[in-house]
């Protein structure tokens, strides 16, 4: 399927590693010029150098100055921006009786205001072009949060909420806004954690057995596995395309059907 993304330009925040990098590589494979973002120049440039048609920008977007730097760099280096993917974020540990108000404010800066800054910075360009995409990376925890990390889930819930508000603000502009909310993603950190846990629980040593145990005990879902980064990247890439013009204001879960079991 031709997703008609050749000639488009997309900025993916936090794309110097992890899921953001996978999204960037998937978009680049469709002919999209991708703008790679990270906090540090060296790490970001190294990834951009390894992707065709990639441009590097850097700055700490959880601050006003850092976000302004990224917006300025981007608009100076690309002719136009068609797609903004707010992938950057963090999942700090925390508990209701231990997380301070400052902890809540800090994660809100990282997970919500970082996106808001970029959205406001690029909105004039997107409105003027008459077509565009804004996509937030959330979590299924925005719909079904756990008791731990309440500040994290609340911040991701805010992303899903602002998606609907922004969708209404941009009616009849050709710019759509959606949230993609994954469940557990098989990252290097998650694999290391479950190998450690498996050694304590007697779940075996090979990943196939460990994953089955992880799904059974921690993340039951009809698909019977954890998400690959490519599962997320493929959906985001489709939502970026003109073929997704009629998908708007949605919070789409990528969880193997886990929420359907709740």
C-alpha atoms as a PDB file:
ATOM      1  CA  UNK A   1       0.000   0.000   0.000  1.00  0.00           C
ATOM      2  CA  UNK A   2       1.313   3.419  -0.953  1.00  0.00           C
ATOM      3  CA  UNK A   3       0.762   5.644   2.080  1.00  0.00           C
ATOM      4  CA  UNK A   4       1.474   8.760  -0.008  1.00  0.00           C
ATOM      5  CA  UNK A   5       4.012  10.043   2.495  1.00  0.00           C
ATOM      6  CA  UNK A   6       6.775  10.724   0.007  1.00  0.00           C
ATOM      7  CA  UNK A   7       7.636  14.413   0.123  1.00  0.00           C
ATOM      8  CA  UNK A   8       6.141  14.930   3.585  1.00  0.00           C
ATOM      9  CA  UNK A   9       8.216  16.140   6.534  1.00  0.00           C
ATOM     10  CA  UNK A  10       7.764  14.913  10.113  1.00  0.00           C
ATOM     11  CA  UNK A  11       9.286  15.950  13.435  1.00  0.00           C
ATOM     12  CA  UNK A  12       9.350  13.160  16.020  1.00  0.00           C
ATOM     13  CA  UNK A  13      10.264  14.371  19.494  1.00  0.00           C
ATOM     14  CA  UNK A  14      12.492  12.045  21.506  1.00  0.00           C
ATOM     15  CA  UNK A  15      13.451  10.108  18.375  1.00  0.00           C
ATOM     16  CA  UNK A  16      17.154   9.737  19.111  1.00  0.00           C
ATOM     17  CA  UNK A  17      16.373   6.320  20.655  1.00  0.00           C
ATOM     18  CA  UNK A  18      13.666   3.778  21.441  1.00  0.00           C
ATOM     19  CA  UNK A  19      10.153   3.858  20.041  1.00  0.00           C
ATOM     20  CA  UNK A  20      10.640   7.353  18.651  1.00  0.00           C
ATOM     21  CA  UNK A  21      13.594   6.187  16.590  1.00  0.00           C
ATOM     22  CA  UNK A  22      11.580   3.233  15.266  1.00  0.00           C
ATOM     23  CA  UNK A  23       8.776   5.597  14.253  1.00  0.00           C
ATOM     24  CA  UNK A  24      11.279   7.843  12.478  1.00  0.00           C
ATOM     25  CA  UNK A  25      12.828   4.931  10.590  1.00  0.00           C
ATOM     26  CA  UNK A  26       9.404   3.619   9.567  1.00  0.00           C
ATOM     27  CA  UNK A  27       8.362   7.017   8.246  1.00  0.00           C
ATOM     28  CA  UNK A  28      11.677   7.440   6.421  1.00  0.00           C
ATOM     29  CA  UNK A  29      11.128   4.094   4.697  1.00  0.00           C
ATOM     30  CA  UNK A  30       7.897   5.580   3.291  1.00  0.00           C
ATOM     31  CA  UNK A  31       9.814   8.485   1.770  1.00  0.00           C
ATOM     32  CA  UNK A  32       9.193  10.997   4.554  1.00  0.00           C
ATOM     33  CA  UNK A  33      11.873  13.499   5.504  1.00  0.00           C
ATOM     34  CA  UNK A  34      12.232  12.972   9.240  1.00  0.00           C
ATOM     35  CA  UNK A  35      13.439  15.479  11.804  1.00  0.00           C
ATOM     36  CA  UNK A  36      15.206  13.592  14.593  1.00  0.00           C
ATOM     37  CA  UNK A  37      15.064  15.192  18.036  1.00  0.00           C
ATOM     38  CA  UNK A  38      17.005  14.573  21.228  1.00  0.00           C
ATOM     39  CA  UNK A  39      18.339  16.592  24.128  1.00  0.00           C
ATOM     40  CA  UNK A  40      21.990  16.389  23.045  1.00  0.00           C
ATOM     41  CA  UNK A  41      23.436  17.222  19.632  1.00  0.00           C
ATOM     42  CA  UNK A  42      25.884  14.299  19.361  1.00  0.00           C
ATOM     43  CA  UNK A  43      23.377  11.513  20.105  1.00  0.00           C
ATOM     44  CA  UNK A  44      20.735  13.049  17.855  1.00  0.00           C
ATOM     45  CA  UNK A  45      23.085  13.667  14.937  1.00  0.00           C
ATOM     46  CA  UNK A  46      24.377  10.080  15.098  1.00  0.00           C
ATOM     47  CA  UNK A  47      20.867   8.701  14.553  1.00  0.00           C
ATOM     48  CA  UNK A  48      20.062  11.243  11.834  1.00  0.00           C
ATOM     49  CA  UNK A  49      23.254  10.319   9.974  1.00  0.00           C
ATOM     50  CA  UNK A  50      22.047   6.714   9.835  1.00  0.00           C
ATOM     51  CA  UNK A  51      18.612   7.488   8.324  1.00  0.00           C
ATOM     52  CA  UNK A  52      18.042   8.639   4.727  1.00  0.00           C
ATOM     53  CA  UNK A  53      16.565  12.137   4.433  1.00  0.00           C
ATOM     54  CA  UNK A  54      16.957  12.837   8.144  1.00  0.00           C
ATOM     55  CA  UNK A  55      17.693  16.135   9.866  1.00  0.00           C
ATOM     56  CA  UNK A  56      18.853  16.546  13.469  1.00  0.00           C
ATOM     57  CA  UNK A  57      17.553  19.112  15.971  1.00  0.00           C
ATOM     58  CA  UNK A  58      18.162  19.169  19.698  1.00  0.00           C
ATOM     59  CA  UNK A  59      17.029  20.814  22.910  1.00  0.00           C
ATOM     60  CA  UNK A  60      15.299  20.102  26.210  1.00  0.00           C
ATOM     61  CA  UNK A  61      11.641  20.579  25.297  1.00  0.00           C
ATOM     62  CA  UNK A  62      10.540  20.319  28.928  1.00  0.00           C
ATOM     63  CA  UNK A  63      11.791  23.924  29.161  1.00  0.00           C
ATOM     64  CA  UNK A  64      10.635  27.032  27.311  1.00  0.00           C
ATOM     65  CA  UNK A  65      14.101  27.824  25.970  1.00  0.00           C
ATOM     66  CA  UNK A  66      14.785  24.269  24.819  1.00  0.00           C
ATOM     67  CA  UNK A  67      11.466  23.989  23.006  1.00  0.00           C
ATOM     68  CA  UNK A  68      12.004  27.362  21.340  1.00  0.00           C
ATOM     69  CA  UNK A  69      15.401  26.154  20.167  1.00  0.00           C
ATOM     70  CA  UNK A  70      13.911  23.015  18.603  1.00  0.00           C
ATOM     71  CA  UNK A  71      11.153  24.976  16.867  1.00  0.00           C
ATOM     72  CA  UNK A  72      13.640  27.514  15.520  1.00  0.00           C
ATOM     73  CA  UNK A  73      16.072  24.844  14.297  1.00  0.00           C
ATOM     74  CA  UNK A  74      13.309  22.886  12.599  1.00  0.00           C
ATOM     75  CA  UNK A  75      11.764  25.813  10.748  1.00  0.00           C
ATOM     76  CA  UNK A  76      15.242  26.924   9.638  1.00  0.00           C
ATOM     77  CA  UNK A  77      16.121  23.498   8.197  1.00  0.00           C
ATOM     78  CA  UNK A  78      12.941  22.319   6.492  1.00  0.00           C
ATOM     79  CA  UNK A  79      10.793  24.026   3.875  1.00  0.00           C
ATOM     80  CA  UNK A  80       7.626  22.919   5.623  1.00  0.00           C
ATOM     81  CA  UNK A  81       6.485  20.675   8.458  1.00  0.00           C
ATOM     82  CA  UNK A  82       3.552  18.363   7.747  1.00  0.00           C
ATOM     83  CA  UNK A  83       3.596  16.085  10.782  1.00  0.00           C
ATOM     84  CA  UNK A  84       4.338  16.614  14.483  1.00  0.00           C
ATOM     85  CA  UNK A  85       4.678  13.475  16.604  1.00  0.00           C
ATOM     86  CA  UNK A  86       4.892  14.156  20.338  1.00  0.00           C
ATOM     87  CA  UNK A  87       6.723  11.014  21.364  1.00  0.00           C
ATOM     88  CA  UNK A  88       9.007  12.484  24.028  1.00  0.00           C
ATOM     89  CA  UNK A  89       8.058  11.642  27.607  1.00  0.00           C
ATOM     90  CA  UNK A  90       9.094   9.819  30.739  1.00  0.00           C
ATOM     91  CA  UNK A  91       7.621   7.405  33.283  1.00  0.00           C
ATOM     92  CA  UNK A  92       8.984   8.380  36.682  1.00  0.00           C
ATOM     93  CA  UNK A  93       8.341   6.018  39.584  1.00  0.00           C
ATOM     94  CA  UNK A  94       5.984   7.283  42.266  1.00  0.00           C
ATOM     95  CA  UNK A  95       3.237   6.552  44.779  1.00  0.00           C
ATOM     96  CA  UNK A  96       0.269   8.520  46.076  1.00  0.00           C
ATOM     97  CA  UNK A  97       1.655   9.135  49.552  1.00  0.00           C
ATOM     98  CA  UNK A  98       5.260   9.636  48.487  1.00  0.00           C
ATOM     99  CA  UNK A  99       5.095  11.689  45.288  1.00  0.00           C
ATOM    100  CA  UNK A 100       5.282  15.387  46.055  1.00  0.00           C
ATOM    101  CA  UNK A 101       3.486  18.204  44.292  1.00  0.00           C
ATOM    102  CA  UNK A 102       6.830  19.005  42.669  1.00  0.00           C
ATOM    103  CA  UNK A 103       7.002  15.447  41.304  1.00  0.00           C
ATOM    104  CA  UNK A 104       3.595  15.983  39.711  1.00  0.00           C
ATOM    105  CA  UNK A 105       4.621  19.354  38.290  1.00  0.00           C
ATOM    106  CA  UNK A 106       7.888  17.941  36.931  1.00  0.00           C
ATOM    107  CA  UNK A 107       6.296  15.071  35.035  1.00  0.00           C
ATOM    108  CA  UNK A 108       3.599  17.403  33.701  1.00  0.00           C
ATOM    109  CA  UNK A 109       6.369  19.602  32.276  1.00  0.00           C
ATOM    110  CA  UNK A 110       7.959  16.591  30.588  1.00  0.00           C
ATOM    111  CA  UNK A 111       4.890  14.756  29.323  1.00  0.00           C
ATOM    112  CA  UNK A 112       2.346  17.491  28.668  1.00  0.00           C
ATOM    113  CA  UNK A 113       3.877  20.947  28.383  1.00  0.00           C
ATOM    114  CA  UNK A 114       6.675  19.656  26.140  1.00  0.00           C
ATOM    115  CA  UNK A 115       3.965  18.645  23.650  1.00  0.00           C
ATOM    116  CA  UNK A 116       1.984  21.856  24.133  1.00  0.00           C
ATOM    117  CA  UNK A 117       5.072  23.964  23.424  1.00  0.00           C
ATOM    118  CA  UNK A 118       5.752  22.178  20.143  1.00  0.00           C
ATOM    119  CA  UNK A 119       2.087  22.230  19.133  1.00  0.00           C
ATOM    120  CA  UNK A 120       1.808  25.977  19.677  1.00  0.00           C
ATOM    121  CA  UNK A 121       5.129  26.550  17.928  1.00  0.00           C
ATOM    122  CA  UNK A 122       4.095  24.732  14.752  1.00  0.00           C
ATOM    123  CA  UNK A 123       0.360  25.460  14.633  1.00  0.00           C
ATOM    124  CA  UNK A 124       0.666  28.580  12.453  1.00  0.00           C
ATOM    125  CA  UNK A 125       2.596  26.565   9.840  1.00  0.00           C
ATOM    126  CA  UNK A 126       0.158  23.646   9.893  1.00  0.00           C
ATOM    127  CA  UNK A 127      -2.901  25.904   9.676  1.00  0.00           C
ATOM    128  CA  UNK A 128      -1.437  27.819   6.750  1.00  0.00           C
ATOM    129  CA  UNK A 129      -0.688  24.638   4.779  1.00  0.00           C
ATOM    130  CA  UNK A 130      -4.237  23.334   5.089  1.00  0.00           C
ATOM    131  CA  UNK A 131      -3.127  19.771   5.841  1.00  0.00           C
ATOM    132  CA  UNK A 132      -1.201  18.142   8.633  1.00  0.00           C
ATOM    133  CA  UNK A 133      -0.980  15.627  11.417  1.00  0.00           C
ATOM    134  CA  UNK A 134      -0.403  15.935  15.171  1.00  0.00           C
ATOM    135  CA  UNK A 135       0.014  12.674  17.067  1.00  0.00           C
ATOM    136  CA  UNK A 136       0.567  12.161  20.787  1.00  0.00           C
ATOM    137  CA  UNK A 137       2.152   9.013  22.235  1.00  0.00           C
ATOM    138  CA  UNK A 138       0.164   8.049  25.310  1.00  0.00           C
ATOM    139  CA  UNK A 139      -0.476   4.843  27.251  1.00  0.00           C
ATOM    140  CA  UNK A 140      -3.445   2.570  27.923  1.00  0.00           C
ATOM    141  CA  UNK A 141      -2.939   3.706  31.520  1.00  0.00           C
ATOM    142  CA  UNK A 142      -4.602   6.983  30.564  1.00  0.00           C
ATOM    143  CA  UNK A 143      -7.821   4.948  30.384  1.00  0.00           C
ATOM    144  CA  UNK A 144      -7.076   2.314  33.052  1.00  0.00           C
ATOM    145  CA  UNK A 145      -4.406   3.744  35.390  1.00  0.00           C
ATOM    146  CA  UNK A 146      -2.695   1.775  38.126  1.00  0.00           C
ATOM    147  CA  UNK A 147      -2.500   2.985  41.727  1.00  0.00           C
ATOM    148  CA  UNK A 148       1.263   3.446  41.437  1.00  0.00           C
ATOM    149  CA  UNK A 149       2.787   6.205  39.275  1.00  0.00           C
ATOM    150  CA  UNK A 150      -0.426   8.278  39.534  1.00  0.00           C
ATOM    151  CA  UNK A 151       1.311  11.445  38.332  1.00  0.00           C
ATOM    152  CA  UNK A 152       2.539   9.656  35.194  1.00  0.00           C
ATOM    153  CA  UNK A 153      -0.879   8.297  34.261  1.00  0.00           C
ATOM    154  CA  UNK A 154      -2.534  11.640  34.985  1.00  0.00           C
ATOM    155  CA  UNK A 155      -0.090  13.391  32.647  1.00  0.00           C
ATOM    156  CA  UNK A 156      -0.777  10.902  29.858  1.00  0.00           C
ATOM    157  CA  UNK A 157      -4.496  11.320  30.481  1.00  0.00           C
ATOM    158  CA  UNK A 158      -4.015  15.030  29.895  1.00  0.00           C
ATOM    159  CA  UNK A 159      -2.464  14.267  26.495  1.00  0.00           C
ATOM    160  CA  UNK A 160      -5.529  12.277  25.468  1.00  0.00           C
ATOM    161  CA  UNK A 161      -7.761  15.088  26.690  1.00  0.00           C
ATOM    162  CA  UNK A 162      -5.908  17.856  24.863  1.00  0.00           C
ATOM    163  CA  UNK A 163      -6.055  15.779  21.684  1.00  0.00           C
ATOM    164  CA  UNK A 164      -9.846  16.105  21.640  1.00  0.00           C
ATOM    165  CA  UNK A 165      -9.725  19.822  22.450  1.00  0.00           C
ATOM    166  CA  UNK A 166      -7.145  20.480  19.726  1.00  0.00           C
ATOM    167  CA  UNK A 167      -9.105  18.398  17.229  1.00  0.00           C
ATOM    168  CA  UNK A 168     -12.089  20.716  17.774  1.00  0.00           C
ATOM    169  CA  UNK A 169      -9.875  23.805  17.550  1.00  0.00           C
ATOM    170  CA  UNK A 170      -8.548  22.653  14.170  1.00  0.00           C
ATOM    171  CA  UNK A 171     -11.871  21.730  12.589  1.00  0.00           C
ATOM    172  CA  UNK A 172     -12.057  22.362   8.839  1.00  0.00           C
ATOM    173  CA  UNK A 173      -8.297  22.987   8.602  1.00  0.00           C
ATOM    174  CA  UNK A 174      -7.214  19.607   7.199  1.00  0.00           C
ATOM    175  CA  UNK A 175      -5.075  19.031  10.297  1.00  0.00           C
ATOM    176  CA  UNK A 176      -6.034  15.935  12.291  1.00  0.00           C
ATOM    177  CA  UNK A 177      -5.026  15.141  15.870  1.00  0.00           C
ATOM    178  CA  UNK A 178      -4.854  11.689  17.456  1.00  0.00           C
ATOM    179  CA  UNK A 179      -3.319   9.865  20.407  1.00  0.00           C
ATOM    180  CA  UNK A 180      -1.732   6.411  20.150  1.00  0.00           C
ATOM    181  CA  UNK A 181      -1.716   4.554  23.481  1.00  0.00           C
ATOM    182  CA  UNK A 182       0.432   1.415  23.753  1.00  0.00           C
ATOM    183  CA  UNK A 183       0.404  -1.219  26.461  1.00  0.00           C
ATOM    184  CA  UNK A 184       3.676  -2.834  27.547  1.00  0.00           C
ATOM    185  CA  UNK A 185       6.324  -2.449  24.846  1.00  0.00           C
ATOM    186  CA  UNK A 186       9.228  -4.885  24.544  1.00  0.00           C
ATOM    187  CA  UNK A 187      12.059  -2.446  25.126  1.00  0.00           C
ATOM    188  CA  UNK A 188      15.595  -3.367  26.157  1.00  0.00           C
ATOM    189  CA  UNK A 189      14.839  -2.143  29.665  1.00  0.00           C
ATOM    190  CA  UNK A 190      11.663  -4.231  29.913  1.00  0.00           C
ATOM    191  CA  UNK A 191      13.393  -7.369  28.627  1.00  0.00           C
ATOM    192  CA  UNK A 192      16.181  -6.913  31.190  1.00  0.00           C
ATOM    193  CA  UNK A 193      13.626  -6.441  33.973  1.00  0.00           C
ATOM    194  CA  UNK A 194      11.718  -9.587  33.063  1.00  0.00           C
ATOM    195  CA  UNK A 195      14.894 -11.667  32.741  1.00  0.00           C
ATOM    196  CA  UNK A 196      15.746 -10.562  36.275  1.00  0.00           C
ATOM    197  CA  UNK A 197      12.250 -11.297  37.506  1.00  0.00           C
ATOM    198  CA  UNK A 198      12.209 -14.669  35.745  1.00  0.00           C
ATOM    199  CA  UNK A 199      15.358 -15.700  37.616  1.00  0.00           C
ATOM    200  CA  UNK A 200      13.549 -15.017  40.893  1.00  0.00           C
ATOM    201  CA  UNK A 201      10.244 -16.621  39.898  1.00  0.00           C
ATOM    202  CA  UNK A 202      11.550 -19.659  38.028  1.00  0.00           C
ATOM    203  CA  UNK A 203       9.994 -18.680  34.722  1.00  0.00           C
ATOM    204  CA  UNK A 204      12.891 -20.076  32.675  1.00  0.00           C
ATOM    205  CA  UNK A 205      15.755 -18.469  30.819  1.00  0.00           C
ATOM    206  CA  UNK A 206      14.642 -18.109  27.193  1.00  0.00           C
ATOM    207  CA  UNK A 207      12.620 -15.070  26.206  1.00  0.00           C
ATOM    208  CA  UNK A 208       9.707 -17.060  24.750  1.00  0.00           C
ATOM    209  CA  UNK A 209       8.936 -18.630  28.133  1.00  0.00           C
ATOM    210  CA  UNK A 210       9.576 -15.404  30.013  1.00  0.00           C
ATOM    211  CA  UNK A 211       7.253 -13.418  27.760  1.00  0.00           C
ATOM    212  CA  UNK A 212       4.448 -15.940  28.228  1.00  0.00           C
ATOM    213  CA  UNK A 213       4.825 -15.636  32.002  1.00  0.00           C
ATOM    214  CA  UNK A 214       4.950 -11.838  31.811  1.00  0.00           C
ATOM    215  CA  UNK A 215       1.738 -11.777  29.778  1.00  0.00           C
ATOM    216  CA  UNK A 216       0.032 -14.231  32.135  1.00  0.00           C
ATOM    217  CA  UNK A 217       0.944 -12.450  35.354  1.00  0.00           C
ATOM    218  CA  UNK A 218       1.256  -8.792  34.370  1.00  0.00           C
ATOM    219  CA  UNK A 219      -0.418  -8.079  31.035  1.00  0.00           C
ATOM    220  CA  UNK A 220      -3.085 -10.612  29.991  1.00  0.00           C
ATOM    221  CA  UNK A 221      -4.206  -9.978  26.416  1.00  0.00           C
ATOM    222  CA  UNK A 222      -5.759 -12.035  23.601  1.00  0.00           C
ATOM    223  CA  UNK A 223      -2.703 -11.529  21.360  1.00  0.00           C
ATOM    224  CA  UNK A 224      -0.641 -13.401  23.940  1.00  0.00           C
ATOM    225  CA  UNK A 225       2.474 -11.233  23.703  1.00  0.00           C
ATOM    226  CA  UNK A 226       3.968  -7.844  24.422  1.00  0.00           C
ATOM    227  CA  UNK A 227       4.067  -5.093  21.822  1.00  0.00           C
ATOM    228  CA  UNK A 228       7.021  -4.683  19.493  1.00  0.00           C
ATOM    229  CA  UNK A 229       8.113  -1.141  18.774  1.00  0.00           C
ATOM    230  CA  UNK A 230       7.161  -1.768  15.160  1.00  0.00           C
ATOM    231  CA  UNK A 231       3.529  -2.356  16.220  1.00  0.00           C
ATOM    232  CA  UNK A 232       3.421   1.229  17.447  1.00  0.00           C
ATOM    233  CA  UNK A 233       5.429   2.686  14.570  1.00  0.00           C
ATOM    234  CA  UNK A 234       3.270   1.061  11.891  1.00  0.00           C
ATOM    235  CA  UNK A 235       0.072   2.546  13.327  1.00  0.00           C
ATOM    236  CA  UNK A 236       1.599   5.986  13.799  1.00  0.00           C
ATOM    237  CA  UNK A 237       2.879   5.919  10.217  1.00  0.00           C
ATOM    238  CA  UNK A 238      -0.565   5.040   8.873  1.00  0.00           C
ATOM    239  CA  UNK A 239      -2.156   7.845  10.915  1.00  0.00           C
ATOM    240  CA  UNK A 240       0.352  10.245   9.372  1.00  0.00           C
ATOM    241  CA  UNK A 241      -0.797   9.373   5.872  1.00  0.00           C
ATOM    242  CA  UNK A 242      -3.547  10.959   3.746  1.00  0.00           C
ATOM    243  CA  UNK A 243      -5.309   7.583   3.902  1.00  0.00           C
ATOM    244  CA  UNK A 244      -6.126   8.358   7.552  1.00  0.00           C
ATOM    245  CA  UNK A 245      -7.854  11.668   6.793  1.00  0.00           C
ATOM    246  CA  UNK A 246     -11.102  10.582   8.479  1.00  0.00           C
ATOM    247  CA  UNK A 247      -9.500   9.409  11.720  1.00  0.00           C
ATOM    248  CA  UNK A 248      -9.515  12.357  14.070  1.00  0.00           C
ATOM    249  CA  UNK A 249      -9.710  13.099  17.801  1.00  0.00           C
ATOM    250  CA  UNK A 250      -9.113   9.468  18.769  1.00  0.00           C
ATOM    251  CA  UNK A 251      -7.202   7.731  21.548  1.00  0.00           C
ATOM    252  CA  UNK A 252      -6.245   4.454  19.851  1.00  0.00           C
ATOM    253  CA  UNK A 253      -5.023   1.630  22.082  1.00  0.00           C
ATOM    254  CA  UNK A 254      -2.304  -0.754  20.878  1.00  0.00           C
ATOM    255  CA  UNK A 255      -2.509  -3.410  23.570  1.00  0.00           C
ATOM    256  CA  UNK A 256      -3.327  -6.749  21.987  1.00  0.00           C
ATOM    257  CA  UNK A 257      -6.859  -6.447  23.340  1.00  0.00           C
ATOM    258  CA  UNK A 258      -5.864  -6.066  26.997  1.00  0.00           C
ATOM    259  CA  UNK A 259      -8.384  -3.327  27.827  1.00  0.00           C
ATOM    260  CA  UNK A 260     -11.166  -5.525  26.487  1.00  0.00           C
ATOM    261  CA  UNK A 261     -10.488  -7.949  29.335  1.00  0.00           C
ATOM    262  CA  UNK A 262     -10.916  -5.357  32.091  1.00  0.00           C
END
